[in-house]
Every structure is written in C-alpha cells, then in structure tokens.
Amino acid sequence: YKKFLPSENLSSFINCFWTLEVAADKSAVK
C-alpha cells in the first residue's frame, strides 16, 4: 500500500492518491 501527494493545484481537494497491490490468494478472507 503506497500513498502519493497531489499537486499544489489540487491539494485543497485531494487528500492523497494511493495504490494497493496484493498477490492472488485462493484462501483470501473477506
């Protein structure tokens, strides 16, 4: 999980951008 700051022009609107990557897991729980 990673977070990225927005540009100054949008900093009053966007808290952050974020990405999430998780490898496939057949036993993944809710």
PDB file of all heavy atoms in Angstrom:
ATOM      1  N   TYR A   1       0.852  -1.188   0.000  1.00  0.00           N
ATOM      2  CA  TYR A   1       0.000   0.000   0.000  1.00  0.00           C
ATOM      3  C   TYR A   1       0.885   1.234   0.000  1.00  0.00           C
ATOM      4  O   TYR A   1       1.758   1.383   0.856  1.00  0.00           O
ATOM      5  CB  TYR A   1      -0.890  -0.022   1.241  1.00  0.00           C
ATOM      6  CG  TYR A   1      -1.706   1.237   1.479  1.00  0.00           C
ATOM      7  CD1 TYR A   1      -2.675   1.639   0.578  1.00  0.00           C
ATOM      8  CD2 TYR A   1      -1.515   1.998   2.634  1.00  0.00           C
ATOM      9  CE1 TYR A   1      -3.440   2.783   0.810  1.00  0.00           C
ATOM     10  CE2 TYR A   1      -2.271   3.137   2.883  1.00  0.00           C
ATOM     11  CZ  TYR A   1      -3.226   3.525   1.970  1.00  0.00           C
ATOM     12  OH  TYR A   1      -3.972   4.650   2.198  1.00  0.00           O
ATOM     13  N   LYS A   2       0.678   2.150  -0.978  1.00  0.00           N
ATOM     14  CA  LYS A   2       1.501   3.355  -1.086  1.00  0.00           C
ATOM     15  C   LYS A   2       0.612   4.574  -1.265  1.00  0.00           C
ATOM     16  O   LYS A   2      -0.454   4.499  -1.889  1.00  0.00           O
ATOM     17  CB  LYS A   2       2.469   3.242  -2.271  1.00  0.00           C
ATOM     18  CG  LYS A   2       3.502   2.131  -2.118  1.00  0.00           C
ATOM     19  CD  LYS A   2       4.399   2.035  -3.342  1.00  0.00           C
ATOM     20  CE  LYS A   2       5.422   0.922  -3.184  1.00  0.00           C
ATOM     21  NZ  LYS A   2       6.257   0.748  -4.393  1.00  0.00           N
ATOM     22  N   LYS A   3       1.075   5.712  -0.726  1.00  0.00           N
ATOM     23  CA  LYS A   3       0.347   6.975  -0.831  1.00  0.00           C
ATOM     24  C   LYS A   3       1.207   8.009  -1.545  1.00  0.00           C
ATOM     25  O   LYS A   3       2.430   8.010  -1.411  1.00  0.00           O
ATOM     26  CB  LYS A   3      -0.036   7.482   0.561  1.00  0.00           C
ATOM     27  CG  LYS A   3      -1.023   6.586   1.290  1.00  0.00           C
ATOM     28  CD  LYS A   3      -1.182   6.982   2.749  1.00  0.00           C
ATOM     29  CE  LYS A   3      -1.869   8.318   2.898  1.00  0.00           C
ATOM     30  NZ  LYS A   3      -2.159   8.639   4.329  1.00  0.00           N
ATOM     31  N   PHE A   4       0.536   8.915  -2.286  1.00  0.00           N
ATOM     32  CA  PHE A   4       1.225   9.949  -3.056  1.00  0.00           C
ATOM     33  C   PHE A   4       0.467  11.268  -2.881  1.00  0.00           C
ATOM     34  O   PHE A   4      -0.759  11.290  -2.904  1.00  0.00           O
ATOM     35  CB  PHE A   4       1.277   9.579  -4.542  1.00  0.00           C
ATOM     36  CG  PHE A   4       1.841   8.212  -4.821  1.00  0.00           C
ATOM     37  CD1 PHE A   4       1.019   7.083  -4.777  1.00  0.00           C
ATOM     38  CD2 PHE A   4       3.186   8.047  -5.104  1.00  0.00           C
ATOM     39  CE1 PHE A   4       1.532   5.821  -5.024  1.00  0.00           C
ATOM     40  CE2 PHE A   4       3.708   6.789  -5.358  1.00  0.00           C
ATOM     41  CZ  PHE A   4       2.888   5.673  -5.314  1.00  0.00           C
ATOM     42  N   LEU A   5       1.206  12.356  -2.734  1.00  0.00           N
ATOM     43  CA  LEU A   5       0.592  13.660  -2.565  1.00  0.00           C
ATOM     44  C   LEU A   5       0.143  14.242  -3.905  1.00  0.00           C
ATOM     45  O   LEU A   5       0.796  14.021  -4.931  1.00  0.00           O
ATOM     46  CB  LEU A   5       1.566  14.626  -1.895  1.00  0.00           C
ATOM     47  CG  LEU A   5       1.936  14.310  -0.445  1.00  0.00           C
ATOM     48  CD1 LEU A   5       2.981  15.298   0.052  1.00  0.00           C
ATOM     49  CD2 LEU A   5       0.704  14.332   0.455  1.00  0.00           C
ATOM     50  N   PRO A   6      -0.934  15.011  -3.914  1.00  0.00           N
ATOM     51  CA  PRO A   6      -1.388  15.662  -5.155  1.00  0.00           C
ATOM     52  C   PRO A   6      -0.542  16.896  -5.445  1.00  0.00           C
ATOM     53  O   PRO A   6       0.248  17.350  -4.608  1.00  0.00           O
ATOM     54  CB  PRO A   6      -2.823  16.054  -4.828  1.00  0.00           C
ATOM     55  CG  PRO A   6      -2.785  16.329  -3.356  1.00  0.00           C
ATOM     56  CD  PRO A   6      -1.827  15.312  -2.778  1.00  0.00           C
ATOM     57  N   SER A   7      -0.723  17.471  -6.633  1.00  0.00           N
ATOM     58  CA  SER A   7      -0.060  18.733  -6.963  1.00  0.00           C
ATOM     59  C   SER A   7      -0.682  19.853  -6.149  1.00  0.00           C
ATOM     60  O   SER A   7      -1.772  19.722  -5.584  1.00  0.00           O
ATOM     61  CB  SER A   7      -0.215  19.032  -8.455  1.00  0.00           C
ATOM     62  OG  SER A   7      -1.582  19.304  -8.755  1.00  0.00           O
ATOM     63  N   GLU A   8       0.004  20.987  -6.104  1.00  0.00           N
ATOM     64  CA  GLU A   8      -0.488  22.118  -5.319  1.00  0.00           C
ATOM     65  C   GLU A   8      -1.860  22.584  -5.801  1.00  0.00           C
ATOM     66  O   GLU A   8      -2.704  23.004  -5.009  1.00  0.00           O
ATOM     67  CB  GLU A   8       0.517  23.272  -5.405  1.00  0.00           C
ATOM     68  CG  GLU A   8       0.149  24.476  -4.543  1.00  0.00           C
ATOM     69  CD  GLU A   8       1.204  25.569  -4.596  1.00  0.00           C
ATOM     70  OE1 GLU A   8       2.274  25.335  -5.197  1.00  0.00           O
ATOM     71  OE2 GLU A   8       0.956  26.652  -4.047  1.00  0.00           O
ATOM     72  N   ASN A   9      -2.109  22.498  -7.116  1.00  0.00           N
ATOM     73  CA  ASN A   9      -3.380  22.959  -7.677  1.00  0.00           C
ATOM     74  C   ASN A   9      -4.584  22.183  -7.157  1.00  0.00           C
ATOM     75  O   ASN A   9      -5.711  22.690  -7.166  1.00  0.00           O
ATOM     76  CB  ASN A   9      -3.353  22.871  -9.209  1.00  0.00           C
ATOM     77  CG  ASN A   9      -2.454  23.917  -9.831  1.00  0.00           C
ATOM     78  OD1 ASN A   9      -2.209  24.960  -9.237  1.00  0.00           O
ATOM     79  ND2 ASN A   9      -1.949  23.644 -11.021  1.00  0.00           N
ATOM     80  N   LEU A  10      -4.342  20.941  -6.723  1.00  0.00           N
ATOM     81  CA  LEU A  10      -5.447  20.101  -6.260  1.00  0.00           C
ATOM     82  C   LEU A  10      -5.333  19.742  -4.779  1.00  0.00           C
ATOM     83  O   LEU A  10      -6.124  18.946  -4.277  1.00  0.00           O
ATOM     84  CB  LEU A  10      -5.533  18.819  -7.101  1.00  0.00           C
ATOM     85  CG  LEU A  10      -6.061  19.009  -8.516  1.00  0.00           C
ATOM     86  CD1 LEU A  10      -5.841  17.765  -9.362  1.00  0.00           C
ATOM     87  CD2 LEU A  10      -7.553  19.359  -8.487  1.00  0.00           C
ATOM     88  N   SER A  11      -4.388  20.351  -4.091  1.00  0.00           N
ATOM     89  CA  SER A  11      -4.156  19.979  -2.697  1.00  0.00           C
ATOM     90  C   SER A  11      -5.304  20.382  -1.774  1.00  0.00           C
ATOM     91  O   SER A  11      -5.420  19.858  -0.671  1.00  0.00           O
ATOM     92  CB  SER A  11      -2.847  20.602  -2.189  1.00  0.00           C
ATOM     93  OG  SER A  11      -2.899  22.014  -2.270  1.00  0.00           O
ATOM     94  N   SER A  12      -6.155  21.310  -2.226  1.00  0.00           N
ATOM     95  CA  SER A  12      -7.322  21.685  -1.427  1.00  0.00           C
ATOM     96  C   SER A  12      -8.474  20.707  -1.609  1.00  0.00           C
ATOM     97  O   SER A  12      -9.452  20.763  -0.857  1.00  0.00           O
ATOM     98  CB  SER A  12      -7.802  23.095  -1.812  1.00  0.00           C
ATOM     99  OG  SER A  12      -6.836  24.059  -1.496  1.00  0.00           O
ATOM    100  N   PHE A  13      -8.354  19.828  -2.572  1.00  0.00           N
ATOM    101  CA  PHE A  13      -9.435  18.904  -2.888  1.00  0.00           C
ATOM    102  C   PHE A  13      -9.070  17.445  -2.595  1.00  0.00           C
ATOM    103  O   PHE A  13      -9.904  16.677  -2.134  1.00  0.00           O
ATOM    104  CB  PHE A  13      -9.817  19.024  -4.379  1.00  0.00           C
ATOM    105  CG  PHE A  13     -10.323  20.378  -4.759  1.00  0.00           C
ATOM    106  CD1 PHE A  13      -9.459  21.362  -5.193  1.00  0.00           C
ATOM    107  CD2 PHE A  13     -11.671  20.683  -4.667  1.00  0.00           C
ATOM    108  CE1 PHE A  13      -9.918  22.621  -5.538  1.00  0.00           C
ATOM    109  CE2 PHE A  13     -12.148  21.932  -5.007  1.00  0.00           C
ATOM    110  CZ  PHE A  13     -11.269  22.907  -5.442  1.00  0.00           C
ATOM    111  N   ILE A  14      -7.815  17.077  -2.905  1.00  0.00           N
ATOM    112  CA  ILE A  14      -7.405  15.675  -2.793  1.00  0.00           C
ATOM    113  C   ILE A  14      -6.506  15.489  -1.577  1.00  0.00           C
ATOM    114  O   ILE A  14      -5.493  16.169  -1.428  1.00  0.00           O
ATOM    115  CB  ILE A  14      -6.678  15.216  -4.065  1.00  0.00           C
ATOM    116  CG1 ILE A  14      -7.640  15.275  -5.261  1.00  0.00           C
ATOM    117  CG2 ILE A  14      -6.123  13.806  -3.907  1.00  0.00           C
ATOM    118  CD1 ILE A  14      -6.981  14.932  -6.584  1.00  0.00           C
ATOM    119  N   ASN A  15      -6.883  14.573  -0.732  1.00  0.00           N
ATOM    120  CA  ASN A  15      -6.073  14.221   0.431  1.00  0.00           C
ATOM    121  C   ASN A  15      -4.811  13.485  -0.013  1.00  0.00           C
ATOM    122  O   ASN A  15      -3.706  13.820   0.396  1.00  0.00           O
ATOM    123  CB  ASN A  15      -6.900  13.347   1.378  1.00  0.00           C
ATOM    124  CG  ASN A  15      -6.123  12.873   2.575  1.00  0.00           C
ATOM    125  OD1 ASN A  15      -5.209  13.550   3.026  1.00  0.00           O
ATOM    126  ND2 ASN A  15      -6.458  11.702   3.082  1.00  0.00           N
ATOM    127  N   CYS A  16      -4.974  12.493  -0.877  1.00  0.00           N
ATOM    128  CA  CYS A  16      -3.833  11.735  -1.400  1.00  0.00           C
ATOM    129  C   CYS A  16      -4.292  10.858  -2.550  1.00  0.00           C
ATOM    130  O   CYS A  16      -5.488  10.617  -2.739  1.00  0.00           O
ATOM    131  CB  CYS A  16      -3.196  10.864  -0.305  1.00  0.00           C
ATOM    132  SG  CYS A  16      -4.236   9.462   0.211  1.00  0.00           S
ATOM    133  N   PHE A  17      -3.329  10.392  -3.336  1.00  0.00           N
ATOM    134  CA  PHE A  17      -3.530   9.279  -4.257  1.00  0.00           C
ATOM    135  C   PHE A  17      -2.963   8.045  -3.558  1.00  0.00           C
ATOM    136  O   PHE A  17      -2.024   8.152  -2.758  1.00  0.00           O
ATOM    137  CB  PHE A  17      -2.786   9.505  -5.575  1.00  0.00           C
ATOM    138  CG  PHE A  17      -3.287  10.687  -6.366  1.00  0.00           C
ATOM    139  CD1 PHE A  17      -2.627  11.906  -6.307  1.00  0.00           C
ATOM    140  CD2 PHE A  17      -4.415  10.583  -7.166  1.00  0.00           C
ATOM    141  CE1 PHE A  17      -3.082  12.999  -7.022  1.00  0.00           C
ATOM    142  CE2 PHE A  17      -4.878  11.667  -7.897  1.00  0.00           C
ATOM    143  CZ  PHE A  17      -4.209  12.882  -7.817  1.00  0.00           C
ATOM    144  N   TRP A  18      -3.514   6.882  -3.862  1.00  0.00           N
ATOM    145  CA  TRP A  18      -2.956   5.674  -3.263  1.00  0.00           C
ATOM    146  C   TRP A  18      -3.054   4.486  -4.211  1.00  0.00           C
ATOM    147  O   TRP A  18      -3.887   4.473  -5.127  1.00  0.00           O
ATOM    148  CB  TRP A  18      -3.611   5.342  -1.918  1.00  0.00           C
ATOM    149  CG  TRP A  18      -5.096   5.135  -1.912  1.00  0.00           C
ATOM    150  CD1 TRP A  18      -6.058   6.068  -1.650  1.00  0.00           C
ATOM    151  CD2 TRP A  18      -5.806   3.909  -2.154  1.00  0.00           C
ATOM    152  NE1 TRP A  18      -7.313   5.509  -1.715  1.00  0.00           N
ATOM    153  CE2 TRP A  18      -7.193   4.182  -2.016  1.00  0.00           C
ATOM    154  CE3 TRP A  18      -5.415   2.604  -2.466  1.00  0.00           C
ATOM    155  CZ2 TRP A  18      -8.175   3.198  -2.172  1.00  0.00           C
ATOM    156  CZ3 TRP A  18      -6.390   1.623  -2.628  1.00  0.00           C
ATOM    157  CH2 TRP A  18      -7.758   1.938  -2.491  1.00  0.00           C
ATOM    158  N   THR A  19      -2.162   3.533  -3.994  1.00  0.00           N
ATOM    159  CA  THR A  19      -2.183   2.291  -4.763  1.00  0.00           C
ATOM    160  C   THR A  19      -2.154   1.125  -3.786  1.00  0.00           C
ATOM    161  O   THR A  19      -1.594   1.217  -2.691  1.00  0.00           O
ATOM    162  CB  THR A  19      -0.979   2.170  -5.711  1.00  0.00           C
ATOM    163  OG1 THR A  19       0.247   2.203  -4.950  1.00  0.00           O
ATOM    164  CG2 THR A  19      -0.972   3.305  -6.723  1.00  0.00           C
ATOM    165  N   LEU A  20      -2.769   0.037  -4.192  1.00  0.00           N
ATOM    166  CA  LEU A  20      -2.757  -1.187  -3.392  1.00  0.00           C
ATOM    167  C   LEU A  20      -2.527  -2.372  -4.321  1.00  0.00           C
ATOM    168  O   LEU A  20      -3.229  -2.527  -5.329  1.00  0.00           O
ATOM    169  CB  LEU A  20      -4.083  -1.362  -2.649  1.00  0.00           C
ATOM    170  CG  LEU A  20      -4.222  -2.661  -1.840  1.00  0.00           C
ATOM    171  CD1 LEU A  20      -3.236  -2.668  -0.658  1.00  0.00           C
ATOM    172  CD2 LEU A  20      -5.652  -2.845  -1.336  1.00  0.00           C
ATOM    173  N   GLU A  21      -1.539  -3.190  -3.990  1.00  0.00           N
ATOM    174  CA  GLU A  21      -1.251  -4.405  -4.751  1.00  0.00           C
ATOM    175  C   GLU A  21      -1.176  -5.584  -3.787  1.00  0.00           C
ATOM    176  O   GLU A  21      -0.471  -5.529  -2.775  1.00  0.00           O
ATOM    177  CB  GLU A  21       0.067  -4.266  -5.524  1.00  0.00           C
ATOM    178  CG  GLU A  21       0.024  -3.180  -6.600  1.00  0.00           C
ATOM    179  CD  GLU A  21       1.289  -3.137  -7.444  1.00  0.00           C
ATOM    180  OE1 GLU A  21       2.185  -3.990  -7.214  1.00  0.00           O
ATOM    181  OE2 GLU A  21       1.387  -2.255  -8.312  1.00  0.00           O
ATOM    182  N   VAL A  22      -1.939  -6.627  -4.110  1.00  0.00           N
ATOM    183  CA  VAL A  22      -1.950  -7.847  -3.298  1.00  0.00           C
ATOM    184  C   VAL A  22      -1.943  -9.037  -4.242  1.00  0.00           C
ATOM    185  O   VAL A  22      -2.759  -9.107  -5.169  1.00  0.00           O
ATOM    186  CB  VAL A  22      -3.204  -7.913  -2.395  1.00  0.00           C
ATOM    187  CG1 VAL A  22      -3.117  -9.139  -1.474  1.00  0.00           C
ATOM    188  CG2 VAL A  22      -3.358  -6.641  -1.574  1.00  0.00           C
ATOM    189  N   ALA A  23      -1.018  -9.971  -4.026  1.00  0.00           N
ATOM    190  CA  ALA A  23      -0.933 -11.161  -4.876  1.00  0.00           C
ATOM    191  C   ALA A  23      -2.164 -12.038  -4.672  1.00  0.00           C
ATOM    192  O   ALA A  23      -2.773 -12.055  -3.598  1.00  0.00           O
ATOM    193  CB  ALA A  23       0.333 -11.942  -4.545  1.00  0.00           C
ATOM    194  N   ALA A  24      -2.553 -12.747  -5.722  1.00  0.00           N
ATOM    195  CA  ALA A  24      -3.707 -13.639  -5.661  1.00  0.00           C
ATOM    196  C   ALA A  24      -3.513 -14.688  -4.571  1.00  0.00           C
ATOM    197  O   ALA A  24      -2.420 -15.229  -4.389  1.00  0.00           O
ATOM    198  CB  ALA A  24      -3.922 -14.317  -7.016  1.00  0.00           C
ATOM    199  N   ASP A  25      -4.588 -14.963  -3.851  1.00  0.00           N
ATOM    200  CA  ASP A  25      -4.556 -15.946  -2.771  1.00  0.00           C
ATOM    201  C   ASP A  25      -5.923 -16.611  -2.710  1.00  0.00           C
ATOM    202  O   ASP A  25      -6.919 -15.966  -2.376  1.00  0.00           O
ATOM    203  CB  ASP A  25      -4.218 -15.257  -1.450  1.00  0.00           C
ATOM    204  CG  ASP A  25      -4.138 -16.235  -0.280  1.00  0.00           C
ATOM    205  OD1 ASP A  25      -4.378 -17.444  -0.487  1.00  0.00           O
ATOM    206  OD2 ASP A  25      -3.849 -15.782   0.841  1.00  0.00           O
ATOM    207  N   LYS A  26      -5.978 -17.896  -3.038  1.00  0.00           N
ATOM    208  CA  LYS A  26      -7.263 -18.599  -3.053  1.00  0.00           C
ATOM    209  C   LYS A  26      -7.923 -18.641  -1.682  1.00  0.00           C
ATOM    210  O   LYS A  26      -9.140 -18.809  -1.584  1.00  0.00           O
ATOM    211  CB  LYS A  26      -7.062 -20.027  -3.579  1.00  0.00           C
ATOM    212  CG  LYS A  26      -6.689 -20.088  -5.058  1.00  0.00           C
ATOM    213  CD  LYS A  26      -6.570 -21.524  -5.530  1.00  0.00           C
ATOM    214  CE  LYS A  26      -6.221 -21.575  -7.020  1.00  0.00           C
ATOM    215  NZ  LYS A  26      -6.087 -22.970  -7.513  1.00  0.00           N
ATOM    216  N   SER A  27      -7.131 -18.495  -0.636  1.00  0.00           N
ATOM    217  CA  SER A  27      -7.690 -18.548   0.717  1.00  0.00           C
ATOM    218  C   SER A  27      -7.922 -17.155   1.303  1.00  0.00           C
ATOM    219  O   SER A  27      -8.135 -17.003   2.505  1.00  0.00           O
ATOM    220  CB  SER A  27      -6.753 -19.334   1.642  1.00  0.00           C
ATOM    221  OG  SER A  27      -5.484 -18.702   1.726  1.00  0.00           O
ATOM    222  N   ALA A  28      -7.876 -16.131   0.468  1.00  0.00           N
ATOM    223  CA  ALA A  28      -8.054 -14.755   0.957  1.00  0.00           C
ATOM    224  C   ALA A  28      -9.402 -14.596   1.648  1.00  0.00           C
ATOM    225  O   ALA A  28     -10.445 -14.979   1.098  1.00  0.00           O
ATOM    226  CB  ALA A  28      -7.941 -13.769  -0.200  1.00  0.00           C
ATOM    227  N   VAL A  29      -9.393 -14.042   2.847  1.00  0.00           N
ATOM    228  CA  VAL A  29     -10.630 -13.851   3.606  1.00  0.00           C
ATOM    229  C   VAL A  29     -11.243 -12.501   3.258  1.00  0.00           C
ATOM    230  O   VAL A  29     -10.599 -11.627   2.689  1.00  0.00           O
ATOM    231  CB  VAL A  29     -10.367 -13.919   5.124  1.00  0.00           C
ATOM    232  CG1 VAL A  29      -9.811 -15.275   5.502  1.00  0.00           C
ATOM    233  CG2 VAL A  29      -9.413 -12.818   5.554  1.00  0.00           C
ATOM    234  N   LYS A  30     -12.505 -12.339   3.612  1.00  0.00           N
ATOM    235  CA  LYS A  30     -13.156 -11.047   3.449  1.00  0.00           C
ATOM    236  C   LYS A  30     -12.416 -10.002   4.295  1.00  0.00           C
ATOM    237  O   LYS A  30     -11.915 -10.308   5.374  1.00  0.00           O
ATOM    238  CB  LYS A  30     -14.608 -11.114   3.923  1.00  0.00           C
ATOM    239  CG  LYS A  30     -15.508 -12.058   3.157  1.00  0.00           C
ATOM    240  CD  LYS A  30     -16.894 -12.037   3.789  1.00  0.00           C
ATOM    241  CE  LYS A  30     -17.827 -13.047   3.175  1.00  0.00           C
ATOM    242  NZ  LYS A  30     -19.148 -13.074   3.855  1.00  0.00           N
TER     243      LYS A  30
END
